[in-house]
N, C-alpha and C. Protein backbone atom coordinates (compact mmCIF):
# COMPACT_ATOMS: atom_id res chain seq x y z
N UNK A 1 0.82 -1.19 -0.01
CA UNK A 1 0.01 -0.02 0.00
C UNK A 1 0.88 1.25 -0.01
N UNK A 2 0.28 2.33 -0.53
CA UNK A 2 1.00 3.59 -0.52
C UNK A 2 0.91 4.26 0.86
N UNK A 3 1.66 5.35 0.99
CA UNK A 3 1.74 6.07 2.26
C UNK A 3 0.40 6.59 2.73
N UNK A 4 -0.43 7.13 1.79
CA UNK A 4 -1.72 7.66 2.16
C UNK A 4 -2.63 6.54 2.65
N UNK A 5 -2.67 5.43 1.93
CA UNK A 5 -3.52 4.30 2.31
C UNK A 5 -3.14 3.76 3.70
N UNK A 6 -1.85 3.63 3.95
CA UNK A 6 -1.36 3.12 5.21
C UNK A 6 -1.81 4.05 6.36
N UNK A 7 -1.67 5.37 6.15
CA UNK A 7 -2.05 6.31 7.19
C UNK A 7 -3.57 6.31 7.44
N UNK A 8 -4.35 6.25 6.36
CA UNK A 8 -5.80 6.24 6.50
C UNK A 8 -6.33 5.01 7.21
N UNK A 9 -5.75 3.85 6.90
CA UNK A 9 -6.15 2.63 7.55
C UNK A 9 -5.71 2.58 9.00
N UNK A 10 -4.52 3.13 9.25
CA UNK A 10 -4.03 3.18 10.64
C UNK A 10 -4.89 4.09 11.51
N UNK A 11 -5.38 5.21 10.93
CA UNK A 11 -6.21 6.12 11.69
C UNK A 11 -7.51 5.49 12.11
N UNK A 12 -7.99 4.50 11.37
CA UNK A 12 -9.21 3.81 11.71
C UNK A 12 -8.96 2.55 12.59
N UNK A 13 -7.70 2.22 12.73
CA UNK A 13 -7.34 1.07 13.56
C UNK A 13 -7.30 -0.26 12.83
N UNK A 14 -7.26 -0.21 11.49
CA UNK A 14 -7.24 -1.42 10.72
C UNK A 14 -5.94 -2.19 10.86
N UNK A 15 -4.90 -1.52 11.37
CA UNK A 15 -3.61 -2.17 11.58
C UNK A 15 -3.50 -2.71 13.02
N UNK A 16 -4.58 -2.56 13.79
CA UNK A 16 -4.58 -3.01 15.18
C UNK A 16 -5.79 -3.89 15.52
N UNK A 17 -6.26 -4.60 14.54
CA UNK A 17 -7.42 -5.47 14.74
C UNK A 17 -7.09 -6.65 15.66
N UNK A 18 -8.07 -7.06 16.45
CA UNK A 18 -7.86 -8.26 17.25
C UNK A 18 -7.93 -9.49 16.29
N UNK A 19 -7.63 -10.66 16.83
CA UNK A 19 -7.55 -11.85 15.97
C UNK A 19 -8.86 -12.16 15.23
N UNK A 20 -9.98 -12.00 15.97
CA UNK A 20 -11.26 -12.32 15.36
C UNK A 20 -11.60 -11.37 14.23
N UNK A 21 -11.37 -10.06 14.45
CA UNK A 21 -11.68 -9.09 13.42
C UNK A 21 -10.73 -9.24 12.23
N UNK A 22 -9.44 -9.49 12.51
CA UNK A 22 -8.47 -9.72 11.43
C UNK A 22 -8.89 -10.89 10.54
N UNK A 23 -9.29 -11.97 11.18
CA UNK A 23 -9.72 -13.19 10.47
C UNK A 23 -10.95 -12.87 9.61
N UNK A 24 -11.88 -12.11 10.16
CA UNK A 24 -13.09 -11.75 9.41
C UNK A 24 -12.79 -10.88 8.22
N UNK A 25 -11.95 -9.85 8.42
CA UNK A 25 -11.59 -8.96 7.29
C UNK A 25 -10.84 -9.76 6.23
N UNK A 26 -9.93 -10.61 6.62
CA UNK A 26 -9.13 -11.39 5.65
C UNK A 26 -10.06 -12.29 4.81
N UNK A 27 -10.99 -12.96 5.49
CA UNK A 27 -11.92 -13.84 4.77
C UNK A 27 -12.79 -13.10 3.78
N UNK A 28 -13.27 -11.90 4.20
CA UNK A 28 -14.09 -11.08 3.33
C UNK A 28 -13.31 -10.59 2.14
N UNK A 29 -12.06 -10.17 2.35
CA UNK A 29 -11.23 -9.72 1.24
C UNK A 29 -11.02 -10.83 0.24
N UNK A 30 -10.75 -12.05 0.73
CA UNK A 30 -10.56 -13.18 -0.20
C UNK A 30 -11.85 -13.48 -0.97
N UNK A 31 -12.97 -13.48 -0.27
CA UNK A 31 -14.24 -13.78 -0.94
C UNK A 31 -14.58 -12.74 -1.97
N UNK A 32 -14.28 -11.47 -1.64
CA UNK A 32 -14.59 -10.40 -2.56
C UNK A 32 -13.74 -10.51 -3.84
N UNK A 33 -12.46 -10.73 -3.66
CA UNK A 33 -11.57 -10.81 -4.85
C UNK A 33 -11.92 -12.01 -5.69
N UNK A 34 -12.30 -13.12 -5.03
CA UNK A 34 -12.70 -14.31 -5.77
C UNK A 34 -13.97 -14.04 -6.62
N UNK A 35 -14.90 -13.30 -6.01
CA UNK A 35 -16.17 -13.05 -6.70
C UNK A 35 -16.05 -12.05 -7.83
N UNK A 36 -15.28 -10.98 -7.58
CA UNK A 36 -15.28 -9.86 -8.53
C UNK A 36 -13.99 -9.72 -9.33
N UNK A 37 -12.89 -10.31 -8.87
CA UNK A 37 -11.65 -10.26 -9.60
C UNK A 37 -10.79 -9.02 -9.40
N UNK A 38 -11.20 -8.16 -8.45
CA UNK A 38 -10.38 -6.98 -8.07
C UNK A 38 -10.55 -6.75 -6.58
N UNK A 39 -9.61 -5.99 -5.98
CA UNK A 39 -9.67 -5.80 -4.51
C UNK A 39 -10.84 -4.91 -4.09
N UNK A 40 -11.26 -5.11 -2.86
CA UNK A 40 -12.33 -4.32 -2.27
C UNK A 40 -11.85 -2.91 -2.09
N UNK A 41 -12.58 -1.93 -2.64
CA UNK A 41 -12.22 -0.53 -2.55
C UNK A 41 -13.27 0.19 -1.71
N UNK A 42 -12.79 0.95 -0.73
CA UNK A 42 -13.70 1.78 0.06
C UNK A 42 -12.91 2.96 0.63
N UNK A 43 -13.54 4.10 0.68
CA UNK A 43 -12.87 5.30 1.21
C UNK A 43 -12.92 5.21 2.73
N UNK A 44 -11.86 4.72 3.33
CA UNK A 44 -11.78 4.43 4.75
C UNK A 44 -12.08 5.69 5.59
N UNK A 45 -11.71 6.83 5.11
CA UNK A 45 -11.89 8.07 5.90
C UNK A 45 -13.36 8.45 6.05
N UNK A 46 -14.27 7.83 5.30
CA UNK A 46 -15.70 8.14 5.37
C UNK A 46 -16.47 7.07 6.17
N UNK A 47 -15.77 6.11 6.77
CA UNK A 47 -16.49 4.99 7.42
C UNK A 47 -15.92 4.65 8.78
N UNK A 48 -16.77 4.03 9.61
CA UNK A 48 -16.35 3.38 10.84
C UNK A 48 -16.00 1.92 10.51
N UNK A 49 -15.39 1.24 11.46
CA UNK A 49 -15.12 -0.18 11.23
C UNK A 49 -16.43 -0.96 10.98
N UNK A 50 -17.43 -0.67 11.75
CA UNK A 50 -18.71 -1.37 11.61
C UNK A 50 -19.32 -1.11 10.24
N UNK A 51 -19.20 0.13 9.77
CA UNK A 51 -19.75 0.48 8.45
C UNK A 51 -19.02 -0.24 7.33
N UNK A 52 -17.73 -0.41 7.46
CA UNK A 52 -16.95 -1.13 6.45
C UNK A 52 -17.38 -2.61 6.41
N UNK A 53 -17.56 -3.20 7.56
CA UNK A 53 -18.01 -4.62 7.61
C UNK A 53 -19.39 -4.74 7.00
N UNK A 54 -20.30 -3.81 7.30
CA UNK A 54 -21.65 -3.82 6.70
C UNK A 54 -21.57 -3.65 5.20
N UNK A 55 -20.66 -2.81 4.72
CA UNK A 55 -20.48 -2.58 3.28
C UNK A 55 -19.97 -3.85 2.63
N UNK A 56 -19.02 -4.54 3.28
CA UNK A 56 -18.51 -5.81 2.75
C UNK A 56 -19.68 -6.78 2.56
N UNK A 57 -20.47 -6.98 3.63
CA UNK A 57 -21.61 -7.94 3.53
C UNK A 57 -22.53 -7.59 2.40
N UNK A 58 -22.89 -6.34 2.31
CA UNK A 58 -23.85 -5.88 1.29
C UNK A 58 -23.30 -6.00 -0.11
N UNK A 59 -22.05 -5.57 -0.26
CA UNK A 59 -21.48 -5.52 -1.62
C UNK A 59 -21.10 -6.87 -2.16
N UNK A 60 -20.84 -7.83 -1.28
CA UNK A 60 -20.57 -9.21 -1.74
C UNK A 60 -21.79 -9.81 -2.44
N UNK A 61 -22.96 -9.27 -2.20
CA UNK A 61 -24.19 -9.80 -2.83
C UNK A 61 -24.52 -9.07 -4.13
N UNK A 62 -23.74 -8.04 -4.46
CA UNK A 62 -24.09 -7.18 -5.60
C UNK A 62 -23.83 -7.87 -6.96
N UNK A 63 -24.50 -7.37 -7.96
CA UNK A 63 -24.24 -7.75 -9.35
C UNK A 63 -22.85 -7.23 -9.70
N UNK A 64 -22.03 -8.01 -10.45
CA UNK A 64 -20.68 -7.58 -10.78
C UNK A 64 -20.56 -6.19 -11.43
N UNK A 65 -21.47 -5.94 -12.38
CA UNK A 65 -21.41 -4.60 -13.05
C UNK A 65 -21.76 -3.50 -12.05
N UNK A 66 -22.71 -3.74 -11.20
CA UNK A 66 -23.10 -2.73 -10.18
C UNK A 66 -21.94 -2.53 -9.21
N UNK A 67 -21.29 -3.63 -8.83
CA UNK A 67 -20.20 -3.51 -7.88
C UNK A 67 -18.99 -2.80 -8.46
N UNK A 68 -18.75 -2.97 -9.74
CA UNK A 68 -17.65 -2.22 -10.37
C UNK A 68 -17.93 -0.73 -10.30
N UNK A 69 -19.15 -0.34 -10.54
CA UNK A 69 -19.52 1.07 -10.46
C UNK A 69 -19.35 1.59 -9.04
N UNK A 70 -19.71 0.75 -8.05
CA UNK A 70 -19.58 1.17 -6.65
C UNK A 70 -18.09 1.33 -6.29
N UNK A 71 -17.27 0.40 -6.74
CA UNK A 71 -15.83 0.45 -6.45
C UNK A 71 -15.22 1.72 -7.08
N UNK A 72 -15.61 2.05 -8.30
CA UNK A 72 -15.07 3.24 -8.96
C UNK A 72 -15.53 4.51 -8.21
N UNK A 73 -16.77 4.49 -7.69
CA UNK A 73 -17.24 5.65 -6.91
C UNK A 73 -16.40 5.80 -5.66
N UNK A 74 -15.99 4.71 -5.02
CA UNK A 74 -15.16 4.80 -3.82
C UNK A 74 -13.77 5.33 -4.17
N UNK A 75 -13.25 4.93 -5.33
CA UNK A 75 -11.97 5.49 -5.81
C UNK A 75 -12.08 7.03 -6.00
N UNK A 76 -13.24 7.44 -6.50
CA UNK A 76 -13.49 8.87 -6.65
C UNK A 76 -13.45 9.58 -5.28
N UNK A 77 -14.11 8.99 -4.27
CA UNK A 77 -14.12 9.59 -2.94
C UNK A 77 -12.68 9.72 -2.38
N UNK A 78 -11.90 8.62 -2.55
CA UNK A 78 -10.50 8.63 -2.09
C UNK A 78 -9.71 9.72 -2.78
N UNK A 79 -9.81 9.77 -4.11
CA UNK A 79 -9.06 10.75 -4.91
C UNK A 79 -9.46 12.17 -4.52
N UNK A 80 -10.75 12.39 -4.41
CA UNK A 80 -11.26 13.74 -4.06
C UNK A 80 -10.70 14.23 -2.72
N UNK A 81 -10.67 13.36 -1.71
CA UNK A 81 -10.12 13.76 -0.45
C UNK A 81 -8.61 14.04 -0.51
N UNK A 82 -7.90 13.22 -1.27
CA UNK A 82 -6.45 13.44 -1.34
C UNK A 82 -6.13 14.73 -2.10
N UNK A 83 -6.85 15.01 -3.16
CA UNK A 83 -6.64 16.23 -3.91
C UNK A 83 -6.99 17.43 -3.04
N UNK A 84 -8.11 17.35 -2.30
CA UNK A 84 -8.52 18.46 -1.44
C UNK A 84 -7.49 18.73 -0.36
N UNK A 85 -6.73 17.70 0.02
CA UNK A 85 -5.69 17.90 1.01
C UNK A 85 -4.45 18.59 0.44
N UNK A 86 -4.34 18.67 -0.87
CA UNK A 86 -3.19 19.28 -1.51
C UNK A 86 -3.48 20.64 -2.09
N UNK A 87 -4.77 20.89 -2.42
CA UNK A 87 -5.12 22.13 -3.14
C UNK A 87 -6.20 22.87 -2.38
N UNK A 88 -5.98 24.15 -2.14
CA UNK A 88 -7.00 25.02 -1.55
C UNK A 88 -7.29 26.09 -2.58
N UNK A 89 -8.50 26.06 -3.20
CA UNK A 89 -8.84 27.01 -4.25
C UNK A 89 -10.34 27.12 -4.32
N UNK A 90 -10.83 28.28 -4.87
CA UNK A 90 -12.26 28.43 -5.01
C UNK A 90 -12.83 27.34 -5.92
N UNK A 91 -14.08 26.91 -5.60
CA UNK A 91 -14.73 25.90 -6.43
C UNK A 91 -14.42 24.47 -6.07
N UNK A 92 -13.57 24.25 -5.04
CA UNK A 92 -13.28 22.88 -4.64
C UNK A 92 -14.54 22.24 -4.06
N UNK A 93 -14.68 20.91 -4.22
CA UNK A 93 -15.87 20.21 -3.66
C UNK A 93 -15.85 20.18 -2.17
N UNK A 94 -17.03 20.05 -1.58
CA UNK A 94 -17.14 19.97 -0.11
C UNK A 94 -16.71 18.56 0.30
N UNK A 95 -15.75 18.48 1.19
CA UNK A 95 -15.27 17.17 1.68
C UNK A 95 -15.38 17.03 3.20
N UNK A 96 -15.81 18.10 3.87
CA UNK A 96 -15.88 18.08 5.33
C UNK A 96 -17.30 18.03 5.81
N UNK A 97 -17.53 17.21 6.86
CA UNK A 97 -18.83 17.15 7.50
C UNK A 97 -18.77 17.79 8.85
N UNK A 98 -19.90 17.83 9.54
CA UNK A 98 -19.94 18.51 10.84
C UNK A 98 -21.11 17.99 11.66
N UNK A 99 -20.91 17.84 12.97
CA UNK A 99 -21.99 17.54 13.88
C UNK A 99 -22.04 18.62 14.93
N UNK A 100 -23.18 19.29 15.07
CA UNK A 100 -23.33 20.36 16.05
C UNK A 100 -24.53 20.07 16.94
N UNK A 101 -24.60 20.84 18.01
CA UNK A 101 -25.74 20.64 18.94
C UNK A 101 -26.08 21.97 19.59
N UNK A 102 -27.18 21.96 20.29
CA UNK A 102 -27.65 23.18 20.99
C UNK A 102 -28.48 22.68 22.18
N UNK A 103 -28.22 23.32 23.35
CA UNK A 103 -28.92 22.92 24.56
C UNK A 103 -29.50 24.13 25.27
N UNK A 104 -30.78 24.07 25.59
CA UNK A 104 -31.48 25.12 26.29
C UNK A 104 -31.97 24.61 27.66
N UNK A 105 -31.97 25.44 28.65
CA UNK A 105 -32.40 25.08 29.99
C UNK A 105 -33.89 24.79 30.03
N UNK A 106 -34.29 23.76 30.79
CA UNK A 106 -35.72 23.39 30.85
C UNK A 106 -36.62 24.40 31.57
N UNK A 107 -36.06 25.20 32.43
CA UNK A 107 -36.89 26.12 33.19
C UNK A 107 -37.14 27.43 32.43
N UNK A 108 -36.12 27.97 31.79
CA UNK A 108 -36.24 29.28 31.17
C UNK A 108 -35.97 29.32 29.68
N UNK A 109 -35.51 28.20 29.10
CA UNK A 109 -35.21 28.21 27.65
C UNK A 109 -33.95 28.92 27.28
N UNK A 110 -33.18 29.36 28.30
CA UNK A 110 -31.93 30.07 28.02
C UNK A 110 -30.82 29.10 27.72
N UNK A 111 -29.73 29.55 27.05
CA UNK A 111 -28.62 28.66 26.74
C UNK A 111 -28.09 27.96 27.98
N UNK A 112 -27.93 26.66 27.89
CA UNK A 112 -27.41 25.86 29.02
C UNK A 112 -25.92 25.81 28.95
N UNK A 113 -25.24 26.96 29.12
CA UNK A 113 -23.81 27.04 28.96
C UNK A 113 -23.07 26.10 29.88
N UNK A 114 -21.97 25.55 29.40
CA UNK A 114 -21.07 24.67 30.14
C UNK A 114 -21.61 23.24 30.31
N UNK A 115 -22.75 22.94 29.70
CA UNK A 115 -23.24 21.56 29.75
C UNK A 115 -22.27 20.63 29.06
N UNK A 116 -21.94 19.53 29.67
CA UNK A 116 -21.03 18.55 29.08
C UNK A 116 -21.78 17.68 28.07
N UNK A 117 -21.19 17.48 26.91
CA UNK A 117 -21.81 16.63 25.86
C UNK A 117 -20.72 15.66 25.38
N UNK A 118 -21.07 14.38 25.37
CA UNK A 118 -20.16 13.35 24.89
C UNK A 118 -20.69 12.76 23.61
N UNK A 119 -19.76 12.45 22.69
CA UNK A 119 -20.09 11.74 21.44
C UNK A 119 -19.57 10.34 21.53
N UNK A 120 -20.48 9.35 21.41
CA UNK A 120 -20.07 7.95 21.45
C UNK A 120 -20.39 7.31 20.09
N UNK A 121 -19.46 6.48 19.63
CA UNK A 121 -19.68 5.70 18.40
C UNK A 121 -20.05 4.28 18.80
N UNK A 122 -21.10 3.74 18.14
CA UNK A 122 -21.49 2.37 18.39
C UNK A 122 -20.85 1.46 17.36
N UNK A 123 -20.10 0.48 17.83
CA UNK A 123 -19.40 -0.43 16.92
C UNK A 123 -19.61 -1.87 17.34
N UNK A 124 -18.72 -2.73 16.79
CA UNK A 124 -18.82 -4.16 17.06
C UNK A 124 -18.61 -4.49 18.51
N UNK A 125 -17.83 -3.70 19.22
CA UNK A 125 -17.53 -3.97 20.63
C UNK A 125 -18.25 -3.03 21.59
N UNK A 126 -19.31 -2.38 21.15
CA UNK A 126 -20.08 -1.50 22.01
C UNK A 126 -19.80 -0.02 21.75
N UNK A 127 -20.08 0.78 22.78
CA UNK A 127 -19.92 2.25 22.60
C UNK A 127 -18.50 2.67 22.89
N UNK A 128 -17.97 3.55 22.05
CA UNK A 128 -16.62 4.09 22.20
C UNK A 128 -16.73 5.61 22.27
N UNK A 129 -16.16 6.22 23.30
CA UNK A 129 -16.18 7.67 23.44
C UNK A 129 -15.28 8.28 22.39
N UNK A 130 -15.84 9.19 21.52
CA UNK A 130 -15.09 9.79 20.45
C UNK A 130 -14.74 11.26 20.73
N UNK A 131 -15.56 11.95 21.45
CA UNK A 131 -15.26 13.38 21.72
C UNK A 131 -16.08 13.87 22.92
N UNK A 132 -15.56 14.92 23.57
CA UNK A 132 -16.25 15.56 24.69
C UNK A 132 -16.14 17.07 24.48
N UNK A 133 -17.27 17.74 24.59
CA UNK A 133 -17.29 19.21 24.43
C UNK A 133 -18.15 19.85 25.49
N UNK A 134 -18.07 21.17 25.64
CA UNK A 134 -18.92 21.94 26.53
C UNK A 134 -19.72 22.93 25.72
N UNK A 135 -20.98 23.07 26.11
CA UNK A 135 -21.85 24.04 25.46
C UNK A 135 -21.36 25.46 25.74
N UNK A 136 -21.33 26.33 24.71
CA UNK A 136 -20.81 27.68 24.90
C UNK A 136 -21.92 28.62 25.40
N UNK A 137 -21.55 29.89 25.52
CA UNK A 137 -22.48 30.88 26.07
C UNK A 137 -23.73 31.10 25.26
N UNK A 138 -23.67 30.74 23.99
CA UNK A 138 -24.86 30.86 23.12
C UNK A 138 -25.70 29.63 23.12
N UNK A 139 -25.29 28.61 23.88
CA UNK A 139 -26.04 27.35 23.97
C UNK A 139 -25.66 26.36 22.90
N UNK A 140 -24.60 26.59 22.19
CA UNK A 140 -24.21 25.73 21.05
C UNK A 140 -22.84 25.13 21.22
N UNK A 141 -22.57 24.10 20.39
CA UNK A 141 -21.23 23.49 20.37
C UNK A 141 -21.06 22.67 19.11
N UNK A 142 -19.88 22.69 18.55
CA UNK A 142 -19.52 21.75 17.48
C UNK A 142 -18.99 20.51 18.17
N UNK A 143 -19.65 19.38 17.92
CA UNK A 143 -19.23 18.12 18.54
C UNK A 143 -18.22 17.43 17.66
N UNK A 144 -18.32 17.62 16.35
CA UNK A 144 -17.39 17.00 15.43
C UNK A 144 -17.23 17.92 14.24
N UNK A 145 -16.10 18.56 14.13
CA UNK A 145 -15.82 19.46 13.00
C UNK A 145 -14.30 19.60 12.87
N UNK A 146 -13.67 18.57 12.31
CA UNK A 146 -12.21 18.54 12.26
C UNK A 146 -11.69 18.85 10.82
N UNK A 147 -12.58 19.32 9.96
CA UNK A 147 -12.17 19.66 8.59
C UNK A 147 -12.16 18.49 7.62
N UNK A 148 -12.53 17.32 8.06
CA UNK A 148 -12.60 16.16 7.18
C UNK A 148 -14.00 15.60 7.15
N UNK A 149 -14.16 14.49 6.44
CA UNK A 149 -15.53 13.88 6.39
C UNK A 149 -15.88 13.24 7.72
N UNK A 150 -17.17 13.17 7.97
CA UNK A 150 -17.65 12.36 9.12
C UNK A 150 -17.48 10.88 8.75
N UNK A 151 -17.62 10.02 9.72
CA UNK A 151 -17.53 8.58 9.46
C UNK A 151 -18.96 8.00 9.52
N UNK A 152 -19.38 7.39 8.44
CA UNK A 152 -20.69 6.76 8.35
C UNK A 152 -20.80 5.71 9.43
N UNK A 153 -21.91 5.78 10.20
CA UNK A 153 -22.09 4.85 11.27
C UNK A 153 -23.15 5.28 12.28
N UNK A 154 -23.25 4.60 13.40
CA UNK A 154 -24.25 4.87 14.44
C UNK A 154 -23.59 5.54 15.63
N UNK A 155 -24.24 6.57 16.17
CA UNK A 155 -23.67 7.37 17.22
C UNK A 155 -24.71 7.70 18.30
N UNK A 156 -24.19 8.20 19.42
CA UNK A 156 -25.08 8.69 20.48
C UNK A 156 -24.44 9.91 21.13
N UNK A 157 -25.23 10.98 21.26
CA UNK A 157 -24.82 12.12 22.06
C UNK A 157 -25.36 11.92 23.45
N UNK A 158 -24.51 12.16 24.47
CA UNK A 158 -24.97 12.06 25.85
C UNK A 158 -24.83 13.42 26.48
N UNK A 159 -25.98 14.01 26.82
CA UNK A 159 -26.06 15.35 27.39
C UNK A 159 -26.09 15.21 28.93
N UNK A 160 -25.10 15.76 29.59
CA UNK A 160 -25.06 15.70 31.07
C UNK A 160 -25.78 16.95 31.62
N UNK A 161 -27.10 16.82 31.74
CA UNK A 161 -27.90 17.96 32.13
C UNK A 161 -28.19 17.99 33.64
N UNK A 162 -27.76 17.00 34.37
CA UNK A 162 -27.99 16.98 35.81
C UNK A 162 -26.69 16.77 36.55
N UNK A 163 -26.77 16.71 37.86
CA UNK A 163 -25.59 16.53 38.71
C UNK A 163 -25.22 15.07 38.96
N UNK A 164 -26.08 14.16 38.58
CA UNK A 164 -25.82 12.73 38.80
C UNK A 164 -25.92 11.96 37.49
N UNK A 165 -25.63 10.67 37.54
CA UNK A 165 -25.68 9.84 36.33
C UNK A 165 -27.11 9.80 35.74
N UNK A 166 -28.12 9.96 36.60
CA UNK A 166 -29.49 9.94 36.07
C UNK A 166 -29.82 11.18 35.33
N UNK A 167 -28.95 12.20 35.36
CA UNK A 167 -29.16 13.44 34.63
C UNK A 167 -28.57 13.42 33.24
N UNK A 168 -28.27 12.25 32.69
CA UNK A 168 -27.72 12.06 31.36
C UNK A 168 -28.85 11.78 30.37
N UNK A 169 -28.95 12.61 29.34
CA UNK A 169 -29.96 12.40 28.28
C UNK A 169 -29.25 11.85 27.04
N UNK A 170 -29.52 10.59 26.65
CA UNK A 170 -28.89 10.02 25.47
C UNK A 170 -29.74 10.26 24.21
N UNK A 171 -29.08 10.62 23.12
CA UNK A 171 -29.77 10.82 21.84
C UNK A 171 -29.01 10.06 20.78
N UNK A 172 -29.62 9.04 20.19
CA UNK A 172 -28.94 8.24 19.15
C UNK A 172 -29.31 8.77 17.78
N UNK A 173 -28.32 8.69 16.88
CA UNK A 173 -28.56 9.10 15.50
C UNK A 173 -27.58 8.36 14.60
N UNK A 174 -27.84 8.39 13.29
CA UNK A 174 -27.03 7.70 12.31
C UNK A 174 -26.47 8.66 11.29
N UNK A 175 -25.23 8.57 10.98
CA UNK A 175 -24.60 9.38 9.92
C UNK A 175 -24.56 8.53 8.66
N UNK A 176 -25.22 9.02 7.62
CA UNK A 176 -25.26 8.33 6.34
C UNK A 176 -24.54 9.14 5.21
N UNK A 177 -24.32 10.42 5.45
CA UNK A 177 -23.70 11.30 4.48
C UNK A 177 -22.46 11.93 5.14
N UNK A 178 -21.28 11.51 4.71
CA UNK A 178 -20.07 11.90 5.41
C UNK A 178 -19.71 13.38 5.26
N UNK A 179 -20.26 14.02 4.26
CA UNK A 179 -19.93 15.45 4.05
C UNK A 179 -21.05 16.38 4.47
N UNK A 180 -22.06 15.87 5.20
CA UNK A 180 -23.22 16.68 5.56
C UNK A 180 -23.00 17.37 6.90
N UNK A 181 -23.90 18.33 7.23
CA UNK A 181 -23.95 18.91 8.54
C UNK A 181 -25.14 18.37 9.30
N UNK A 182 -24.86 17.69 10.40
CA UNK A 182 -25.90 17.11 11.25
C UNK A 182 -26.04 18.00 12.47
N UNK A 183 -27.22 18.53 12.70
CA UNK A 183 -27.47 19.36 13.87
C UNK A 183 -28.43 18.59 14.77
N UNK A 184 -27.96 18.26 15.98
CA UNK A 184 -28.77 17.42 16.91
C UNK A 184 -28.99 18.25 18.20
N UNK A 185 -30.02 19.09 18.22
CA UNK A 185 -30.26 19.96 19.37
C UNK A 185 -31.02 19.20 20.50
N UNK A 186 -30.98 19.81 21.66
CA UNK A 186 -31.74 19.25 22.79
C UNK A 186 -32.63 20.37 23.35
N UNK A 187 -33.73 20.69 22.66
CA UNK A 187 -34.63 21.73 23.14
C UNK A 187 -35.26 21.22 24.47
N UNK A 188 -35.53 22.16 25.37
CA UNK A 188 -36.10 21.76 26.65
C UNK A 188 -37.27 22.67 27.01
N UNK A 189 -38.15 22.14 27.82
CA UNK A 189 -39.29 22.91 28.34
C UNK A 189 -39.54 22.45 29.78
N UNK A 190 -40.56 22.99 30.39
CA UNK A 190 -40.90 22.58 31.76
C UNK A 190 -41.32 21.14 31.79
N UNK A 191 -41.69 20.58 30.66
CA UNK A 191 -42.16 19.18 30.59
C UNK A 191 -40.98 18.21 30.44
N UNK A 192 -39.79 18.71 30.10
CA UNK A 192 -38.63 17.81 29.93
C UNK A 192 -37.92 18.14 28.61
N UNK A 193 -37.21 17.14 28.11
CA UNK A 193 -36.43 17.32 26.91
C UNK A 193 -37.00 16.61 25.70
N UNK A 194 -36.84 17.21 24.52
CA UNK A 194 -37.17 16.57 23.27
C UNK A 194 -36.00 16.82 22.32
N UNK A 195 -35.99 16.11 21.24
CA UNK A 195 -34.90 16.31 20.29
C UNK A 195 -35.33 15.91 18.88
N UNK A 196 -34.54 16.32 17.90
CA UNK A 196 -34.69 15.91 16.51
C UNK A 196 -33.34 16.10 15.87
N UNK A 197 -33.15 15.48 14.74
CA UNK A 197 -31.86 15.63 14.02
C UNK A 197 -32.19 16.19 12.63
N UNK A 198 -31.39 17.11 12.24
CA UNK A 198 -31.60 17.70 10.89
C UNK A 198 -30.26 17.96 10.26
N UNK A 199 -30.21 18.01 8.93
CA UNK A 199 -28.99 18.39 8.21
C UNK A 199 -29.37 18.86 6.86
């Protein structure tokens, strides 16, 4: 593999798989190459480990012509990200995603500044803490905005709105578009908390 591929796979932990996961990935790679005659292509920077495994399962069932088109689309995603990392110019495609949130106090609807918010990723081995932020004075926070694509997968925001563990409000959501903006607010009223996700 080239330097970029090695770094991208390492960032996702593909070079540190346990024995069971390594065996599963190796078997899927062999099955894929046997079925289609070319290696499995996926833009690792746009996926979680669980999402890659789900893609493997789904794409192994695809029609060969359809799968070739899918593989070429993944090559496009890889190329676009690498070019965007080298060139900064007007008219470049959007390659970065973002997850933001907003929290208002239940009593007065005012910004709930300094509220702790955790981002957890759900994977094969359960929930993994990915980021922790504090709500700012306007009641908002960027939970995930590192200038790159989001990773397709399942997540949960945990809002620490009380002083004890029972004061944690969990909100689950799924990322399906790596370059989108997902806004997951936690509006509150005297009746409690509600939420929705939009992008």
